[in-house]
């Protein structure tokens, strides 16, 4: 049985894109974000932005879409982390 590499790529992109959603939901529902490393999230967004740029350069829509979605989720994590971190 031969597996199409595009299917593996799309699956990997989708799993990566949704990986941080449980963390975002936890931040929003508990209204706590003390354990979130903003530095890590910023580095992750930088890497994801490079993937989007790469996807644009090679005209690969699954790479562009899944990583753009990941950027959105991680930006929301930053926004809610800043909102709920204790001062």
Protein backbone atom coordinates (compact mmCIF):
# COMPACT_ATOMS: atom_id res chain seq x y z
CA UNK A 1 0.00 0.00 0.00
CA UNK A 2 1.48 3.31 -1.08
CA UNK A 3 0.82 6.38 1.07
CA UNK A 4 0.55 9.73 -0.68
CA UNK A 5 3.11 12.17 0.80
CA UNK A 6 0.61 15.01 0.43
CA UNK A 7 -1.75 13.24 2.84
CA UNK A 8 1.05 12.91 5.40
CA UNK A 9 1.95 16.59 4.97
CA UNK A 10 -1.64 17.77 5.37
CA UNK A 11 -2.15 15.52 8.41
CA UNK A 12 1.07 16.80 10.00
CA UNK A 13 0.08 20.41 9.31
CA UNK A 14 -3.41 19.95 10.75
CA UNK A 15 -2.13 18.25 13.91
CA UNK A 16 0.49 20.96 14.40
CA UNK A 17 -2.12 23.65 13.80
CA UNK A 18 -4.48 22.36 16.49
CA UNK A 19 -1.79 21.35 19.01
CA UNK A 20 -2.03 24.57 21.03
CA UNK A 21 -5.84 24.79 21.07
CA UNK A 22 -6.15 22.85 24.37
CA UNK A 23 -3.72 25.32 25.97
CA UNK A 24 -5.73 28.27 24.64
CA UNK A 25 -8.98 26.78 25.95
CA UNK A 26 -7.37 26.18 29.35
CA UNK A 27 -6.18 29.80 29.56
CA UNK A 28 -9.60 31.16 28.60
CA UNK A 29 -11.66 28.88 30.86
CA UNK A 30 -9.43 29.18 33.95
CA UNK A 31 -8.49 32.81 33.35
CA UNK A 32 -4.94 31.96 34.43
CA UNK A 33 -1.73 32.06 32.41
CA UNK A 34 1.12 32.08 34.90
CA UNK A 35 2.75 28.98 33.43
CA UNK A 36 2.89 30.25 29.83
CA UNK A 37 6.29 31.25 28.50
CA UNK A 38 5.69 34.23 26.23
CA UNK A 39 9.24 33.91 24.91
CA UNK A 40 8.54 30.38 23.72
CA UNK A 41 5.30 31.44 22.03
CA UNK A 42 7.02 34.37 20.30
CA UNK A 43 9.78 32.07 19.02
CA UNK A 44 7.13 29.60 17.84
CA UNK A 45 5.23 32.35 15.99
CA UNK A 46 8.48 33.43 14.34
CA UNK A 47 9.11 29.88 13.14
CA UNK A 48 5.53 29.52 11.95
CA UNK A 49 5.85 32.80 10.05
CA UNK A 50 8.91 31.41 8.30
CA UNK A 51 6.88 28.34 7.32
CA UNK A 52 4.15 30.58 5.88
CA UNK A 53 6.78 32.51 3.94
CA UNK A 54 8.28 29.24 2.70
CA UNK A 55 4.82 28.03 1.67
CA UNK A 56 4.27 31.23 -0.29
CA UNK A 57 7.66 30.85 -2.01
CA UNK A 58 6.89 27.30 -3.13
CA UNK A 59 3.16 27.97 -3.66
CA UNK A 60 2.08 25.25 -1.20
CA UNK A 61 -1.37 26.07 0.17
CA UNK A 62 -1.49 23.37 2.89
CA UNK A 63 1.77 24.74 4.36
CA UNK A 64 0.46 28.30 4.17
CA UNK A 65 -2.99 27.59 5.62
CA UNK A 66 -2.02 25.27 8.48
CA UNK A 67 0.83 27.49 9.66
CA UNK A 68 -1.23 30.68 9.32
CA UNK A 69 -3.89 29.04 11.51
CA UNK A 70 -1.19 28.11 14.02
CA UNK A 71 -0.03 31.73 14.09
CA UNK A 72 -3.61 32.84 14.86
CA UNK A 73 -3.96 30.34 17.73
CA UNK A 74 -0.61 31.38 19.21
CA UNK A 75 -1.40 35.09 18.88
CA UNK A 76 -4.59 34.40 20.85
CA UNK A 77 -2.50 32.62 23.49
CA UNK A 78 -0.33 35.74 23.81
CA UNK A 79 -3.36 38.05 24.00
CA UNK A 80 -5.12 35.99 26.67
CA UNK A 81 -1.89 35.33 28.56
CA UNK A 82 -1.24 39.06 28.83
CA UNK A 83 -4.86 39.62 29.85
CA UNK A 84 -4.86 36.96 32.59
CA UNK A 85 -1.30 37.03 33.95
CA UNK A 86 -1.15 38.28 37.51
CA UNK A 87 0.31 41.75 37.80
